[in-house]
């Protein structure tokens, strides 16, 4: 992930979070991420990524990752109830409002999550309700039960990995 300059790439390492019921901190890790070839297929085919928890603060990992994803050619839709726009895209307050910013025929291919683990179950329920095809829980965002629920509902699910690092590795 190093672009040759000090871009703060070390910030992609997740912060330590308090144990949350259903997370790897409180139970044996059972969730396994998809195989690398399947992750690569997802990242190569996706066009639009909704980033839950995207910040306007350029020093935050969510902002840095989203900016780089745009550099790879993805459309990034900010999902954050306290901002109007970021990185040239109008924000929506939650996943239920995605249709407000999608063009006719456009869909969200991946929901990328920068939120605390205890917020993941509600995000998973929204993904299931809306029929969103893929869920990506960033480094440090670990909730075993919610990830298993998403996968059982047919959602391609990746947990505790950085989407930027995985995408950058494809070059």
Protein backbone atom coordinates (compact mmCIF):
# COMPACT_ATOMS: atom_id res chain seq x y z
CA UNK A 1 0.00 0.00 0.00
CA UNK A 2 2.96 2.32 -0.01
CA UNK A 3 2.78 4.79 -2.85
CA UNK A 4 6.30 5.99 -2.26
CA UNK A 5 5.27 8.90 -0.06
CA UNK A 6 4.27 9.15 3.54
CA UNK A 7 0.52 8.96 2.94
CA UNK A 8 -0.26 7.63 6.39
CA UNK A 9 -0.73 4.09 5.13
CA UNK A 10 -0.10 2.74 8.62
CA UNK A 11 -3.49 4.16 9.57
CA UNK A 12 -5.20 1.24 7.83
CA UNK A 13 -4.43 -0.98 10.78
CA UNK A 14 -7.59 -1.23 12.88
CA UNK A 15 -7.76 0.35 16.30
CA UNK A 16 -8.19 -1.87 19.32
CA UNK A 17 -11.84 -1.95 20.32
CA UNK A 18 -13.53 -3.16 23.48
CA UNK A 19 -14.83 -6.73 23.36
CA UNK A 20 -18.36 -6.93 22.00
CA UNK A 21 -20.58 -10.00 22.35
CA UNK A 22 -20.34 -12.06 19.17
CA UNK A 23 -16.92 -10.74 18.21
CA UNK A 24 -13.61 -12.54 17.91
CA UNK A 25 -12.54 -10.90 21.16
CA UNK A 26 -15.11 -12.89 23.12
CA UNK A 27 -15.38 -16.16 21.19
CA UNK A 28 -13.27 -18.47 19.09
CA UNK A 29 -12.90 -17.18 15.56
CA UNK A 30 -15.17 -19.22 13.30
CA UNK A 31 -15.60 -16.92 10.33
CA UNK A 32 -13.33 -17.45 7.34
CA UNK A 33 -12.95 -14.92 4.59
CA UNK A 34 -13.61 -15.98 1.01
CA UNK A 35 -10.73 -17.32 -1.07
CA UNK A 36 -8.38 -14.76 -2.60
CA UNK A 37 -9.55 -15.53 -6.13
CA UNK A 38 -13.15 -14.78 -5.15
CA UNK A 39 -12.16 -11.52 -3.45
CA UNK A 40 -10.20 -10.55 -6.55
CA UNK A 41 -13.22 -11.31 -8.75
CA UNK A 42 -15.40 -9.09 -6.55
CA UNK A 43 -12.93 -6.20 -6.58
CA UNK A 44 -12.42 -6.40 -10.34
CA UNK A 45 -16.14 -6.52 -11.14
CA UNK A 46 -17.41 -3.90 -8.66
CA UNK A 47 -18.08 -0.35 -9.81
CA UNK A 48 -19.87 1.33 -6.89
CA UNK A 49 -18.96 1.11 -3.20
CA UNK A 50 -21.04 2.55 -0.37
CA UNK A 51 -18.71 3.48 2.50
CA UNK A 52 -20.53 3.41 5.83
CA UNK A 53 -18.84 5.76 8.28
CA UNK A 54 -16.94 7.78 5.67
CA UNK A 55 -15.50 10.88 7.33
CA UNK A 56 -14.80 14.35 5.93
CA UNK A 57 -11.63 14.38 8.06
CA UNK A 58 -8.75 13.62 5.69
CA UNK A 59 -6.72 12.18 8.58
CA UNK A 60 -9.27 9.38 9.16
CA UNK A 61 -8.68 5.95 7.60
CA UNK A 62 -12.16 5.93 6.03
CA UNK A 63 -11.37 9.10 4.09
CA UNK A 64 -7.99 7.86 2.94
CA UNK A 65 -9.33 4.47 1.84
CA UNK A 66 -12.29 6.03 0.00
CA UNK A 67 -10.03 8.52 -1.79
CA UNK A 68 -7.81 5.70 -2.97
CA UNK A 69 -10.82 3.64 -4.06
CA UNK A 70 -11.89 6.58 -6.20
CA UNK A 71 -8.38 6.59 -7.65
CA UNK A 72 -8.94 2.98 -8.72
CA UNK A 73 -12.05 4.11 -10.60
CA UNK A 74 -14.78 3.13 -8.16
CA UNK A 75 -17.69 5.42 -7.45
CA UNK A 76 -17.75 5.91 -3.69
CA UNK A 77 -21.03 6.79 -1.99
CA UNK A 78 -20.58 8.23 1.51
CA UNK A 79 -22.99 6.84 4.11
CA UNK A 80 -22.93 9.10 7.15
CA UNK A 81 -25.88 10.95 8.74
CA UNK A 82 -23.82 13.95 9.88
CA UNK A 83 -22.27 15.03 6.57
CA UNK A 84 -23.68 16.43 3.32
CA UNK A 85 -20.87 15.44 0.97
CA UNK A 86 -17.28 14.29 0.83
CA UNK A 87 -14.80 13.54 -1.95
CA UNK A 88 -17.16 15.15 -4.49
CA UNK A 89 -20.07 12.79 -3.69
CA UNK A 90 -23.34 13.59 -1.96
CA UNK A 91 -23.70 11.63 1.28
CA UNK A 92 -26.74 9.66 2.40
CA UNK A 93 -27.64 9.17 6.07
CA UNK A 94 -28.01 5.39 5.85
CA UNK A 95 -28.18 2.50 3.40
CA UNK A 96 -31.95 2.92 3.03
CA UNK A 97 -31.34 6.22 1.21
CA UNK A 98 -28.91 4.92 -1.43
CA UNK A 99 -31.51 5.19 -4.20
CA UNK A 100 -31.43 8.98 -3.75
CA UNK A 101 -27.92 9.14 -5.21
CA UNK A 102 -27.92 6.21 -7.65
CA UNK A 103 -28.53 6.82 -11.33
CA UNK A 104 -31.04 4.72 -13.26
CA UNK A 105 -29.61 1.22 -13.60
CA UNK A 106 -26.79 1.88 -11.13
CA UNK A 107 -26.42 -0.34 -8.07
CA UNK A 108 -24.14 -0.63 -5.08
CA UNK A 109 -21.76 -3.56 -5.50
CA UNK A 110 -20.03 -3.46 -2.10
CA UNK A 111 -20.89 -1.98 1.29
CA UNK A 112 -17.59 -1.10 3.00
CA UNK A 113 -17.92 -0.58 6.75
CA UNK A 114 -15.90 1.72 9.02
CA UNK A 115 -18.05 1.45 12.16
CA UNK A 116 -17.70 -0.11 15.59
CA UNK A 117 -18.45 -3.83 15.77
CA UNK A 118 -21.60 -3.32 17.84
CA UNK A 119 -23.11 -1.38 14.91
CA UNK A 120 -22.53 -4.17 12.40
CA UNK A 121 -25.70 -6.25 13.06
CA UNK A 122 -27.96 -3.34 12.06
CA UNK A 123 -25.86 -2.75 8.93
CA UNK A 124 -26.14 -6.44 8.03
CA UNK A 125 -29.91 -6.33 8.48
CA UNK A 126 -30.09 -3.33 6.12
CA UNK A 127 -27.91 -5.12 3.55
CA UNK A 128 -30.20 -8.15 3.69
CA UNK A 129 -33.39 -6.06 3.46
CA UNK A 130 -32.02 -4.06 0.51
CA UNK A 131 -30.55 -7.05 -1.32
CA UNK A 132 -27.03 -5.64 -1.36
CA UNK A 133 -24.62 -8.24 -2.75
CA UNK A 134 -21.37 -7.74 -0.82
CA UNK A 135 -20.30 -6.59 2.63
CA UNK A 136 -16.74 -5.63 3.54
CA UNK A 137 -15.87 -5.09 7.21
CA UNK A 138 -12.62 -3.13 7.47
CA UNK A 139 -9.62 -3.93 9.67
CA UNK A 140 -10.72 -4.12 13.29
CA UNK A 141 -14.43 -4.37 12.44
CA UNK A 142 -15.13 -7.88 13.65
CA UNK A 143 -18.54 -9.31 14.50
CA UNK A 144 -18.69 -13.07 13.99
CA UNK A 145 -22.45 -13.48 14.36
CA UNK A 146 -23.32 -10.62 12.01
CA UNK A 147 -20.83 -11.81 9.40
CA UNK A 148 -22.29 -15.32 9.58
CA UNK A 149 -25.82 -13.89 9.26
CA UNK A 150 -24.80 -11.91 6.17
CA UNK A 151 -23.17 -14.93 4.58
CA UNK A 152 -26.20 -17.15 5.37
CA UNK A 153 -28.36 -14.55 3.61
CA UNK A 154 -26.23 -14.92 0.46
CA UNK A 155 -24.15 -11.78 0.90
CA UNK A 156 -20.49 -12.09 -0.14
CA UNK A 157 -18.81 -11.17 3.16
CA UNK A 158 -15.25 -10.15 3.99
CA UNK A 159 -14.27 -9.29 7.57
CA UNK A 160 -11.27 -7.67 9.26
CA UNK A 161 -9.47 -6.79 6.03
CA UNK A 162 -8.66 -3.51 4.32
CA UNK A 163 -10.37 -3.17 0.95
CA UNK A 164 -7.72 -0.69 -0.20
CA UNK A 165 -4.83 -3.03 0.57
CA UNK A 166 -6.56 -5.91 -1.20
CA UNK A 167 -7.36 -3.75 -4.23
CA UNK A 168 -3.85 -2.27 -4.38
CA UNK A 169 -2.41 -5.80 -4.34
CA UNK A 170 -4.15 -6.57 -7.65
CA UNK A 171 -1.74 -4.41 -9.63
